[in-house]
């Protein structure tokens, strides 16, 4: 049974930082490309960042230079370090493996202006 537990969200002022974590179980973590998505109210879910099983990373243009994705295969955990947060980063953030594709419950990030 796949389980994804996202944590680290919260309320932060613009310019602040948060570090999200996603602990995975029930999957072979090391062979998965892992991604972070987000969904703001009234908007479609969008890809924020991805880290491949080999460690390559890619980011949405809107977060490049501010967010960093990383993974710890020994802990079956993927992270998203978010710096210089903006109000438009407010959303529910989800991690997402690809083998198999699965969604957790997400973690709320709210950035106040």
PDB file of N, CA and C in Angstrom:
ATOM      1  N   UNK A   1       0.839  -1.184   0.000  1.00  0.00           N
ATOM      2  CA  UNK A   1       0.000   0.000   0.000  1.00  0.00           C
ATOM      3  C   UNK A   1       0.882   1.245   0.000  1.00  0.00           C
ATOM      4  N   UNK A   2       0.641   2.086  -0.993  1.00  0.00           N
ATOM      5  CA  UNK A   2       1.430   3.313  -1.114  1.00  0.00           C
ATOM      6  C   UNK A   2       0.943   4.330  -0.095  1.00  0.00           C
ATOM      7  N   UNK A   3       1.891   4.977   0.550  1.00  0.00           N
ATOM      8  CA  UNK A   3       1.560   6.058   1.464  1.00  0.00           C
ATOM      9  C   UNK A   3       2.564   7.184   1.279  1.00  0.00           C
ATOM     10  N   UNK A   4       2.041   8.386   1.144  1.00  0.00           N
ATOM     11  CA  UNK A   4       2.859   9.597   1.036  1.00  0.00           C
ATOM     12  C   UNK A   4       2.427  10.539   2.141  1.00  0.00           C
ATOM     13  N   UNK A   5       3.374  10.987   2.944  1.00  0.00           N
ATOM     14  CA  UNK A   5       3.051  11.887   4.040  1.00  0.00           C
ATOM     15  C   UNK A   5       3.836  13.176   3.835  1.00  0.00           C
ATOM     16  N   UNK A   6       3.115  14.203   3.387  1.00  0.00           N
ATOM     17  CA  UNK A   6       3.721  15.519   3.189  1.00  0.00           C
ATOM     18  C   UNK A   6       3.630  16.319   4.475  1.00  0.00           C
ATOM     19  N   UNK A   7       4.656  17.091   4.772  1.00  0.00           N
ATOM     20  CA  UNK A   7       4.667  17.929   5.968  1.00  0.00           C
ATOM     21  C   UNK A   7       5.544  19.144   5.729  1.00  0.00           C
ATOM     22  N   UNK A   8       5.471  20.095   6.654  1.00  0.00           N
ATOM     23  CA  UNK A   8       6.324  21.272   6.585  1.00  0.00           C
ATOM     24  C   UNK A   8       5.638  22.534   6.112  1.00  0.00           C
ATOM     25  N   UNK A   9       4.390  22.414   5.697  1.00  0.00           N
ATOM     26  CA  UNK A   9       3.666  23.595   5.276  1.00  0.00           C
ATOM     27  C   UNK A   9       3.303  24.486   6.446  1.00  0.00           C
ATOM     28  N   UNK A  10       2.763  25.654   6.131  1.00  0.00           N
ATOM     29  CA  UNK A  10       2.355  26.578   7.167  1.00  0.00           C
ATOM     30  C   UNK A  10       2.130  27.959   6.623  1.00  0.00           C
ATOM     31  N   UNK A  11       2.020  28.913   7.539  1.00  0.00           N
ATOM     32  CA  UNK A  11       1.807  30.312   7.199  1.00  0.00           C
ATOM     33  C   UNK A  11       3.131  31.057   7.364  1.00  0.00           C
ATOM     34  N   UNK A  12       3.526  31.786   6.333  1.00  0.00           N
ATOM     35  CA  UNK A  12       4.789  32.518   6.367  1.00  0.00           C
ATOM     36  C   UNK A  12       4.599  33.852   5.670  1.00  0.00           C
ATOM     37  N   UNK A  13       5.366  34.837   6.075  1.00  0.00           N
ATOM     38  CA  UNK A  13       5.302  36.139   5.419  1.00  0.00           C
ATOM     39  C   UNK A  13       6.077  36.107   4.105  1.00  0.00           C
ATOM     40  N   UNK A  14       5.714  36.969   3.199  1.00  0.00           N
ATOM     41  CA  UNK A  14       6.436  37.098   1.938  1.00  0.00           C
ATOM     42  C   UNK A  14       7.915  37.337   2.223  1.00  0.00           C
ATOM     43  N   UNK A  15       8.754  36.645   1.447  1.00  0.00           N
ATOM     44  CA  UNK A  15      10.186  36.718   1.654  1.00  0.00           C
ATOM     45  C   UNK A  15      10.733  35.637   2.566  1.00  0.00           C
ATOM     46  N   UNK A  16       9.853  34.927   3.231  1.00  0.00           N
ATOM     47  CA  UNK A  16      10.264  33.880   4.153  1.00  0.00           C
ATOM     48  C   UNK A  16      10.559  32.565   3.458  1.00  0.00           C
ATOM     49  N   UNK A  17      10.836  31.559   4.283  1.00  0.00           N
ATOM     50  CA  UNK A  17      11.220  30.240   3.769  1.00  0.00           C
ATOM     51  C   UNK A  17      10.441  29.139   4.469  1.00  0.00           C
ATOM     52  N   UNK A  18      10.270  28.050   3.758  1.00  0.00           N
ATOM     53  CA  UNK A  18       9.709  26.821   4.315  1.00  0.00           C
ATOM     54  C   UNK A  18      10.429  25.644   3.670  1.00  0.00           C
ATOM     55  N   UNK A  19      10.466  24.533   4.402  1.00  0.00           N
ATOM     56  CA  UNK A  19      11.014  23.299   3.848  1.00  0.00           C
ATOM     57  C   UNK A  19       9.958  22.205   3.958  1.00  0.00           C
ATOM     58  N   UNK A  20       9.514  21.736   2.810  1.00  0.00           N
ATOM     59  CA  UNK A  20       8.542  20.653   2.771  1.00  0.00           C
ATOM     60  C   UNK A  20       9.253  19.307   2.717  1.00  0.00           C
ATOM     61  N   UNK A  21       8.619  18.317   3.332  1.00  0.00           N
ATOM     62  CA  UNK A  21       9.122  16.943   3.295  1.00  0.00           C
ATOM     63  C   UNK A  21       8.010  16.017   2.841  1.00  0.00           C
ATOM     64  N   UNK A  22       8.383  14.955   2.183  1.00  0.00           N
ATOM     65  CA  UNK A  22       7.431  13.933   1.781  1.00  0.00           C
ATOM     66  C   UNK A  22       8.062  12.576   2.036  1.00  0.00           C
ATOM     67  N   UNK A  23       7.515  11.865   3.018  1.00  0.00           N
ATOM     68  CA  UNK A  23       8.009  10.527   3.343  1.00  0.00           C
ATOM     69  C   UNK A  23       7.149   9.502   2.624  1.00  0.00           C
ATOM     70  N   UNK A  24       7.790   8.640   1.861  1.00  0.00           N
ATOM     71  CA  UNK A  24       7.074   7.656   1.053  1.00  0.00           C
ATOM     72  C   UNK A  24       7.277   6.247   1.596  1.00  0.00           C
ATOM     73  N   UNK A  25       6.240   5.451   1.487  1.00  0.00           N
ATOM     74  CA  UNK A  25       6.327   4.029   1.821  1.00  0.00           C
ATOM     75  C   UNK A  25       5.463   3.255   0.841  1.00  0.00           C
ATOM     76  N   UNK A  26       5.750   1.964   0.719  1.00  0.00           N
ATOM     77  CA  UNK A  26       4.978   1.145  -0.201  1.00  0.00           C
ATOM     78  C   UNK A  26       5.418   1.256  -1.647  1.00  0.00           C
ATOM     79  N   UNK A  27       6.514   1.973  -1.898  1.00  0.00           N
ATOM     80  CA  UNK A  27       7.076   2.071  -3.234  1.00  0.00           C
ATOM     81  C   UNK A  27       8.573   1.804  -3.154  1.00  0.00           C
ATOM     82  N   UNK A  28       9.156   1.484  -4.303  1.00  0.00           N
ATOM     83  CA  UNK A  28      10.612   1.370  -4.357  1.00  0.00           C
ATOM     84  C   UNK A  28      11.131   2.770  -4.655  1.00  0.00           C
ATOM     85  N   UNK A  29      11.417   3.493  -3.603  1.00  0.00           N
ATOM     86  CA  UNK A  29      11.667   4.929  -3.714  1.00  0.00           C
ATOM     87  C   UNK A  29      12.808   5.233  -4.668  1.00  0.00           C
ATOM     88  N   UNK A  30      13.865   4.441  -4.610  1.00  0.00           N
ATOM     89  CA  UNK A  30      15.080   4.781  -5.360  1.00  0.00           C
ATOM     90  C   UNK A  30      14.892   4.735  -6.868  1.00  0.00           C
ATOM     91  N   UNK A  31      13.878   4.034  -7.360  1.00  0.00           N
ATOM     92  CA  UNK A  31      13.687   3.959  -8.811  1.00  0.00           C
ATOM     93  C   UNK A  31      12.670   4.980  -9.310  1.00  0.00           C
ATOM     94  N   UNK A  32      12.120   5.737  -8.385  1.00  0.00           N
ATOM     95  CA  UNK A  32      11.106   6.712  -8.755  1.00  0.00           C
ATOM     96  C   UNK A  32      11.687   8.075  -9.070  1.00  0.00           C
ATOM     97  N   UNK A  33      11.188   8.673 -10.160  1.00  0.00           N
ATOM     98  CA  UNK A  33      11.309  10.111 -10.294  1.00  0.00           C
ATOM     99  C   UNK A  33      10.284  10.700  -9.328  1.00  0.00           C
ATOM    100  N   UNK A  34      10.690  11.701  -8.561  1.00  0.00           N
ATOM    101  CA  UNK A  34       9.786  12.307  -7.581  1.00  0.00           C
ATOM    102  C   UNK A  34       9.526  13.767  -7.950  1.00  0.00           C
ATOM    103  N   UNK A  35       8.290  14.179  -7.821  1.00  0.00           N
ATOM    104  CA  UNK A  35       7.922  15.539  -8.192  1.00  0.00           C
ATOM    105  C   UNK A  35       7.127  16.198  -7.070  1.00  0.00           C
ATOM    106  N   UNK A  36       7.176  17.508  -7.065  1.00  0.00           N
ATOM    107  CA  UNK A  36       6.284  18.322  -6.246  1.00  0.00           C
ATOM    108  C   UNK A  36       5.351  19.075  -7.200  1.00  0.00           C
ATOM    109  N   UNK A  37       4.067  19.014  -6.887  1.00  0.00           N
ATOM    110  CA  UNK A  37       3.045  19.783  -7.586  1.00  0.00           C
ATOM    111  C   UNK A  37       2.392  20.716  -6.563  1.00  0.00           C
ATOM    112  N   UNK A  38       1.665  21.685  -7.090  1.00  0.00           N
ATOM    113  CA  UNK A  38       0.864  22.536  -6.212  1.00  0.00           C
ATOM    114  C   UNK A  38      -0.449  22.888  -6.893  1.00  0.00           C
ATOM    115  N   UNK A  39      -1.439  23.162  -6.062  1.00  0.00           N
ATOM    116  CA  UNK A  39      -2.743  23.569  -6.568  1.00  0.00           C
ATOM    117  C   UNK A  39      -3.279  24.702  -5.717  1.00  0.00           C
ATOM    118  N   UNK A  40      -3.457  25.837  -6.364  1.00  0.00           N
ATOM    119  CA  UNK A  40      -4.043  27.002  -5.711  1.00  0.00           C
ATOM    120  C   UNK A  40      -5.559  26.973  -5.893  1.00  0.00           C
ATOM    121  N   UNK A  41      -6.305  27.649  -5.026  1.00  0.00           N
ATOM    122  CA  UNK A  41      -7.768  27.646  -5.149  1.00  0.00           C
ATOM    123  C   UNK A  41      -8.210  28.130  -6.528  1.00  0.00           C
ATOM    124  N   UNK A  42      -9.073  27.365  -7.157  1.00  0.00           N
ATOM    125  CA  UNK A  42      -9.606  27.750  -8.445  1.00  0.00           C
ATOM    126  C   UNK A  42      -8.679  27.550  -9.619  1.00  0.00           C
ATOM    127  N   UNK A  43      -7.527  26.944  -9.370  1.00  0.00           N
ATOM    128  CA  UNK A  43      -6.551  26.741 -10.442  1.00  0.00           C
ATOM    129  C   UNK A  43      -6.234  25.253 -10.604  1.00  0.00           C
ATOM    130  N   UNK A  44      -5.669  24.934 -11.764  1.00  0.00           N
ATOM    131  CA  UNK A  44      -5.272  23.551 -12.013  1.00  0.00           C
ATOM    132  C   UNK A  44      -3.992  23.220 -11.244  1.00  0.00           C
ATOM    133  N   UNK A  45      -3.842  21.946 -10.966  1.00  0.00           N
ATOM    134  CA  UNK A  45      -2.615  21.488 -10.334  1.00  0.00           C
ATOM    135  C   UNK A  45      -1.456  21.671 -11.319  1.00  0.00           C
ATOM    136  N   UNK A  46      -0.329  22.187 -10.823  1.00  0.00           N
ATOM    137  CA  UNK A  46       0.799  22.458 -11.691  1.00  0.00           C
ATOM    138  C   UNK A  46       2.080  21.849 -11.133  1.00  0.00           C
ATOM    139  N   UNK A  47       2.960  21.478 -12.053  1.00  0.00           N
ATOM    140  CA  UNK A  47       4.249  20.925 -11.663  1.00  0.00           C
ATOM    141  C   UNK A  47       5.165  22.035 -11.164  1.00  0.00           C
ATOM    142  N   UNK A  48       5.772  21.801 -10.018  1.00  0.00           N
ATOM    143  CA  UNK A  48       6.680  22.778  -9.427  1.00  0.00           C
ATOM    144  C   UNK A  48       8.132  22.372  -9.650  1.00  0.00           C
ATOM    145  N   UNK A  49       8.452  21.122  -9.341  1.00  0.00           N
ATOM    146  CA  UNK A  49       9.837  20.663  -9.440  1.00  0.00           C
ATOM    147  C   UNK A  49       9.842  19.145  -9.538  1.00  0.00           C
ATOM    148  N   UNK A  50      10.886  18.624 -10.165  1.00  0.00           N
ATOM    149  CA  UNK A  50      11.045  17.175 -10.285  1.00  0.00           C
ATOM    150  C   UNK A  50      12.506  16.825 -10.074  1.00  0.00           C
ATOM    151  N   UNK A  51      12.723  15.674  -9.441  1.00  0.00           N
ATOM    152  CA  UNK A  51      14.066  15.129  -9.302  1.00  0.00           C
ATOM    153  C   UNK A  51      14.007  13.683  -9.774  1.00  0.00           C
ATOM    154  N   UNK A  52      14.866  13.361 -10.729  1.00  0.00           N
ATOM    155  CA  UNK A  52      14.854  12.014 -11.277  1.00  0.00           C
ATOM    156  C   UNK A  52      15.559  11.038 -10.337  1.00  0.00           C
ATOM    157  N   UNK A  53      15.456   9.762 -10.653  1.00  0.00           N
ATOM    158  CA  UNK A  53      16.104   8.758  -9.801  1.00  0.00           C
ATOM    159  C   UNK A  53      17.625   8.885  -9.850  1.00  0.00           C
ATOM    160  N   UNK A  54      18.133   9.536 -10.892  1.00  0.00           N
ATOM    161  CA  UNK A  54      19.575   9.753 -10.983  1.00  0.00           C
ATOM    162  C   UNK A  54      20.010  11.072 -10.357  1.00  0.00           C
ATOM    163  N   UNK A  55      19.041  11.867  -9.905  1.00  0.00           N
ATOM    164  CA  UNK A  55      19.365  13.109  -9.224  1.00  0.00           C
ATOM    165  C   UNK A  55      19.273  14.367 -10.053  1.00  0.00           C
ATOM    166  N   UNK A  56      18.903  14.242 -11.318  1.00  0.00           N
ATOM    167  CA  UNK A  56      18.710  15.442 -12.144  1.00  0.00           C
ATOM    168  C   UNK A  56      17.460  16.181 -11.685  1.00  0.00           C
ATOM    169  N   UNK A  57      17.500  17.492 -11.799  1.00  0.00           N
ATOM    170  CA  UNK A  57      16.378  18.306 -11.336  1.00  0.00           C
ATOM    171  C   UNK A  57      15.883  19.243 -12.425  1.00  0.00           C
ATOM    172  N   UNK A  58      14.624  19.632 -12.301  1.00  0.00           N
ATOM    173  CA  UNK A  58      14.042  20.616 -13.196  1.00  0.00           C
ATOM    174  C   UNK A  58      12.965  21.367 -12.428  1.00  0.00           C
ATOM    175  N   UNK A  59      12.721  22.618 -12.829  1.00  0.00           N
ATOM    176  CA  UNK A  59      11.822  23.487 -12.091  1.00  0.00           C
ATOM    177  C   UNK A  59      10.898  24.253 -13.023  1.00  0.00           C
ATOM    178  N   UNK A  60       9.733  24.594 -12.507  1.00  0.00           N
ATOM    179  CA  UNK A  60       8.881  25.533 -13.209  1.00  0.00           C
ATOM    180  C   UNK A  60       9.578  26.887 -13.235  1.00  0.00           C
ATOM    181  N   UNK A  61       9.357  27.619 -14.304  1.00  0.00           N
ATOM    182  CA  UNK A  61      10.008  28.928 -14.430  1.00  0.00           C
ATOM    183  C   UNK A  61       9.681  29.837 -13.255  1.00  0.00           C
ATOM    184  N   UNK A  62       8.487  29.715 -12.720  1.00  0.00           N
ATOM    185  CA  UNK A  62       8.037  30.606 -11.651  1.00  0.00           C
ATOM    186  C   UNK A  62       8.790  30.401 -10.335  1.00  0.00           C
ATOM    187  N   UNK A  63       9.485  29.270 -10.189  1.00  0.00           N
ATOM    188  CA  UNK A  63      10.175  29.003  -8.921  1.00  0.00           C
ATOM    189  C   UNK A  63      11.680  28.859  -9.089  1.00  0.00           C
ATOM    190  N   UNK A  64      12.165  28.919 -10.316  1.00  0.00           N
ATOM    191  CA  UNK A  64      13.603  28.771 -10.538  1.00  0.00           C
ATOM    192  C   UNK A  64      14.382  29.818  -9.757  1.00  0.00           C
ATOM    193  N   UNK A  65      15.452  29.365  -9.110  1.00  0.00           N
ATOM    194  CA  UNK A  65      16.283  30.265  -8.324  1.00  0.00           C
ATOM    195  C   UNK A  65      15.781  30.492  -6.912  1.00  0.00           C
ATOM    196  N   UNK A  66      14.553  30.033  -6.613  1.00  0.00           N
ATOM    197  CA  UNK A  66      13.990  30.212  -5.269  1.00  0.00           C
ATOM    198  C   UNK A  66      13.763  28.877  -4.564  1.00  0.00           C
ATOM    199  N   UNK A  67      13.384  27.858  -5.313  1.00  0.00           N
ATOM    200  CA  UNK A  67      13.068  26.535  -4.741  1.00  0.00           C
ATOM    201  C   UNK A  67      14.164  25.542  -5.109  1.00  0.00           C
ATOM    202  N   UNK A  68      14.392  24.585  -4.201  1.00  0.00           N
ATOM    203  CA  UNK A  68      15.350  23.513  -4.449  1.00  0.00           C
ATOM    204  C   UNK A  68      14.748  22.181  -4.038  1.00  0.00           C
ATOM    205  N   UNK A  69      14.716  21.238  -4.972  1.00  0.00           N
ATOM    206  CA  UNK A  69      14.236  19.894  -4.671  1.00  0.00           C
ATOM    207  C   UNK A  69      15.434  18.989  -4.403  1.00  0.00           C
ATOM    208  N   UNK A  70      15.273  18.097  -3.445  1.00  0.00           N
ATOM    209  CA  UNK A  70      16.332  17.137  -3.121  1.00  0.00           C
ATOM    210  C   UNK A  70      15.693  15.854  -2.624  1.00  0.00           C
ATOM    211  N   UNK A  71      16.497  14.810  -2.522  1.00  0.00           N
ATOM    212  CA  UNK A  71      15.967  13.529  -2.070  1.00  0.00           C
ATOM    213  C   UNK A  71      16.996  12.818  -1.212  1.00  0.00           C
ATOM    214  N   UNK A  72      16.490  11.983  -0.313  1.00  0.00           N
ATOM    215  CA  UNK A  72      17.330  11.127   0.513  1.00  0.00           C
ATOM    216  C   UNK A  72      16.786   9.711   0.355  1.00  0.00           C
ATOM    217  N   UNK A  73      17.427   8.925  -0.483  1.00  0.00           N
ATOM    218  CA  UNK A  73      16.927   7.583  -0.754  1.00  0.00           C
ATOM    219  C   UNK A  73      16.992   6.683   0.479  1.00  0.00           C
ATOM    220  N   UNK A  74      17.916   6.941   1.381  1.00  0.00           N
ATOM    221  CA  UNK A  74      18.017   6.138   2.600  1.00  0.00           C
ATOM    222  C   UNK A  74      16.817   6.352   3.512  1.00  0.00           C
ATOM    223  N   UNK A  75      16.197   7.532   3.391  1.00  0.00           N
ATOM    224  CA  UNK A  75      15.034   7.859   4.228  1.00  0.00           C
ATOM    225  C   UNK A  75      13.734   7.821   3.445  1.00  0.00           C
ATOM    226  N   UNK A  76      13.810   7.452   2.160  1.00  0.00           N
ATOM    227  CA  UNK A  76      12.605   7.436   1.310  1.00  0.00           C
ATOM    228  C   UNK A  76      11.865   8.769   1.381  1.00  0.00           C
ATOM    229  N   UNK A  77      12.616   9.843   1.320  1.00  0.00           N
ATOM    230  CA  UNK A  77      12.034  11.172   1.513  1.00  0.00           C
ATOM    231  C   UNK A  77      12.524  12.132   0.440  1.00  0.00           C
ATOM    232  N   UNK A  78      11.591  12.950  -0.031  1.00  0.00           N
ATOM    233  CA  UNK A  78      11.914  14.028  -0.953  1.00  0.00           C
ATOM    234  C   UNK A  78      11.581  15.351  -0.269  1.00  0.00           C
ATOM    235  N   UNK A  79      12.385  16.360  -0.554  1.00  0.00           N
ATOM    236  CA  UNK A  79      12.263  17.661   0.107  1.00  0.00           C
ATOM    237  C   UNK A  79      12.041  18.760  -0.934  1.00  0.00           C
ATOM    238  N   UNK A  80      11.460  19.849  -0.479  1.00  0.00           N
ATOM    239  CA  UNK A  80      11.362  21.056  -1.298  1.00  0.00           C
ATOM    240  C   UNK A  80      11.698  22.239  -0.398  1.00  0.00           C
ATOM    241  N   UNK A  81      12.876  22.798  -0.602  1.00  0.00           N
ATOM    242  CA  UNK A  81      13.275  24.010   0.115  1.00  0.00           C
ATOM    243  C   UNK A  81      12.749  25.208  -0.664  1.00  0.00           C
ATOM    244  N   UNK A  82      11.962  26.026  -0.010  1.00  0.00           N
ATOM    245  CA  UNK A  82      11.320  27.158  -0.669  1.00  0.00           C
ATOM    246  C   UNK A  82      11.790  28.445   0.003  1.00  0.00           C
ATOM    247  N   UNK A  83      12.492  29.264  -0.743  1.00  0.00           N
ATOM    248  CA  UNK A  83      12.998  30.543  -0.245  1.00  0.00           C
ATOM    249  C   UNK A  83      12.341  31.698  -0.992  1.00  0.00           C
ATOM    250  N   UNK A  84      12.475  32.878  -0.439  1.00  0.00           N
ATOM    251  CA  UNK A  84      11.923  34.092  -1.067  1.00  0.00           C
ATOM    252  C   UNK A  84      10.479  33.878  -1.487  1.00  0.00           C
ATOM    253  N   UNK A  85       9.693  33.354  -0.582  1.00  0.00           N
ATOM    254  CA  UNK A  85       8.306  33.017  -0.906  1.00  0.00           C
ATOM    255  C   UNK A  85       7.487  34.255  -1.240  1.00  0.00           C
ATOM    256  N   UNK A  86       6.546  34.063  -2.158  1.00  0.00           N
ATOM    257  CA  UNK A  86       5.669  35.123  -2.617  1.00  0.00           C
ATOM    258  C   UNK A  86       4.219  34.733  -2.348  1.00  0.00           C
ATOM    259  N   UNK A  87       3.325  35.696  -2.252  1.00  0.00           N
ATOM    260  CA  UNK A  87       1.905  35.347  -2.050  1.00  0.00           C
ATOM    261  C   UNK A  87       1.373  34.399  -3.130  1.00  0.00           C
ATOM    262  N   UNK A  88       1.872  34.511  -4.338  1.00  0.00           N
ATOM    263  CA  UNK A  88       1.405  33.637  -5.417  1.00  0.00           C
ATOM    264  C   UNK A  88       1.894  32.200  -5.279  1.00  0.00           C
ATOM    265  N   UNK A  89       2.750  31.933  -4.307  1.00  0.00           N
ATOM    266  CA  UNK A  89       3.149  30.546  -4.011  1.00  0.00           C
ATOM    267  C   UNK A  89       2.133  29.841  -3.116  1.00  0.00           C
ATOM    268  N   UNK A  90       1.139  30.576  -2.643  1.00  0.00           N
ATOM    269  CA  UNK A  90       0.111  29.982  -1.793  1.00  0.00           C
ATOM    270  C   UNK A  90      -0.635  28.885  -2.535  1.00  0.00           C
ATOM    271  N   UNK A  91      -0.650  27.686  -1.941  1.00  0.00           N
ATOM    272  CA  UNK A  91      -1.275  26.527  -2.580  1.00  0.00           C
ATOM    273  C   UNK A  91      -1.155  25.325  -1.648  1.00  0.00           C
ATOM    274  N   UNK A  92      -1.851  24.262  -2.031  1.00  0.00           N
ATOM    275  CA  UNK A  92      -1.598  22.965  -1.417  1.00  0.00           C
ATOM    276  C   UNK A  92      -0.511  22.284  -2.235  1.00  0.00           C
ATOM    277  N   UNK A  93       0.522  21.808  -1.577  1.00  0.00           N
ATOM    278  CA  UNK A  93       1.661  21.177  -2.238  1.00  0.00           C
ATOM    279  C   UNK A  93       1.592  19.666  -2.052  1.00  0.00           C
ATOM    280  N   UNK A  94       1.806  18.957  -3.159  1.00  0.00           N
ATOM    281  CA  UNK A  94       1.724  17.506  -3.177  1.00  0.00           C
ATOM    282  C   UNK A  94       3.020  16.913  -3.729  1.00  0.00           C
ATOM    283  N   UNK A  95       3.479  15.819  -3.128  1.00  0.00           N
ATOM    284  CA  UNK A  95       4.553  15.086  -3.790  1.00  0.00           C
ATOM    285  C   UNK A  95       3.943  13.970  -4.623  1.00  0.00           C
ATOM    286  N   UNK A  96       4.706  13.478  -5.589  1.00  0.00           N
ATOM    287  CA  UNK A  96       4.136  12.575  -6.589  1.00  0.00           C
ATOM    288  C   UNK A  96       5.210  11.684  -7.167  1.00  0.00           C
ATOM    289  N   UNK A  97       5.147  10.394  -6.867  1.00  0.00           N
ATOM    290  CA  UNK A  97       6.057   9.456  -7.522  1.00  0.00           C
ATOM    291  C   UNK A  97       5.475   9.041  -8.866  1.00  0.00           C
ATOM    292  N   UNK A  98       6.265   8.374  -9.681  1.00  0.00           N
ATOM    293  CA  UNK A  98       5.743   7.939 -10.976  1.00  0.00           C
ATOM    294  C   UNK A  98       5.640   6.426 -11.117  1.00  0.00           C
ATOM    295  N   UNK A  99       6.104   5.686 -10.101  1.00  0.00           N
ATOM    296  CA  UNK A  99       6.075   4.235 -10.189  1.00  0.00           C
ATOM    297  C   UNK A  99       5.622   3.610  -8.878  1.00  0.00           C
ATOM    298  N   UNK A 100       4.305   3.521  -8.612  1.00  0.00           N
ATOM    299  CA  UNK A 100       3.208   3.952  -9.464  1.00  0.00           C
ATOM    300  C   UNK A 100       2.875   5.417  -9.205  1.00  0.00           C
ATOM    301  N   UNK A 101       2.122   6.040 -10.114  1.00  0.00           N
ATOM    302  CA  UNK A 101       1.644   7.407  -9.854  1.00  0.00           C
ATOM    303  C   UNK A 101       0.701   7.410  -8.661  1.00  0.00           C
ATOM    304  N   UNK A 102       0.890   8.346  -7.750  1.00  0.00           N
ATOM    305  CA  UNK A 102       0.082   8.365  -6.532  1.00  0.00           C
ATOM    306  C   UNK A 102       0.096   9.777  -5.961  1.00  0.00           C
ATOM    307  N   UNK A 103      -1.017  10.129  -5.282  1.00  0.00           N
ATOM    308  CA  UNK A 103      -1.126  11.439  -4.637  1.00  0.00           C
ATOM    309  C   UNK A 103      -1.329  11.255  -3.146  1.00  0.00           C
ATOM    310  N   UNK A 104      -0.655  12.086  -2.357  1.00  0.00           N
ATOM    311  CA  UNK A 104      -0.893  12.132  -0.931  1.00  0.00           C
ATOM    312  C   UNK A 104      -1.960  13.162  -0.611  1.00  0.00           C
ATOM    313  N   UNK A 105      -2.021  13.540   0.674  1.00  0.00           N
ATOM    314  CA  UNK A 105      -3.060  14.482   1.105  1.00  0.00           C
ATOM    315  C   UNK A 105      -2.640  15.928   0.911  1.00  0.00           C
ATOM    316  N   UNK A 106      -1.354  16.152   0.677  1.00  0.00           N
ATOM    317  CA  UNK A 106      -0.849  17.497   0.466  1.00  0.00           C
ATOM    318  C   UNK A 106      -0.592  18.243   1.765  1.00  0.00           C
ATOM    319  N   UNK A 107       0.114  19.350   1.632  1.00  0.00           N
ATOM    320  CA  UNK A 107       0.384  20.224   2.769  1.00  0.00           C
ATOM    321  C   UNK A 107       0.156  21.665   2.331  1.00  0.00           C
ATOM    322  N   UNK A 108      -0.546  22.413   3.149  1.00  0.00           N
ATOM    323  CA  UNK A 108      -0.942  23.783   2.800  1.00  0.00           C
ATOM    324  C   UNK A 108       0.202  24.756   3.054  1.00  0.00           C
ATOM    325  N   UNK A 109       0.488  25.565   2.064  1.00  0.00           N
ATOM    326  CA  UNK A 109       1.447  26.670   2.199  1.00  0.00           C
ATOM    327  C   UNK A 109       0.696  27.962   1.945  1.00  0.00           C
ATOM    328  N   UNK A 110       0.770  28.867   2.899  1.00  0.00           N
ATOM    329  CA  UNK A 110       0.113  30.166   2.773  1.00  0.00           C
ATOM    330  C   UNK A 110       1.151  31.258   2.993  1.00  0.00           C
ATOM    331  N   UNK A 111       1.277  32.137   2.011  1.00  0.00           N
ATOM    332  CA  UNK A 111       2.244  33.228   2.084  1.00  0.00           C
ATOM    333  C   UNK A 111       1.474  34.534   2.160  1.00  0.00           C
ATOM    334  N   UNK A 112       1.671  35.256   3.234  1.00  0.00           N
ATOM    335  CA  UNK A 112       0.975  36.529   3.416  1.00  0.00           C
ATOM    336  C   UNK A 112       1.832  37.686   2.906  1.00  0.00           C
ATOM    337  N   UNK A 113       1.155  38.702   2.415  1.00  0.00           N
ATOM    338  CA  UNK A 113       1.873  39.866   1.858  1.00  0.00           C
ATOM    339  C   UNK A 113       2.155  40.904   2.921  1.00  0.00           C
TER     340      UNK A 113
END
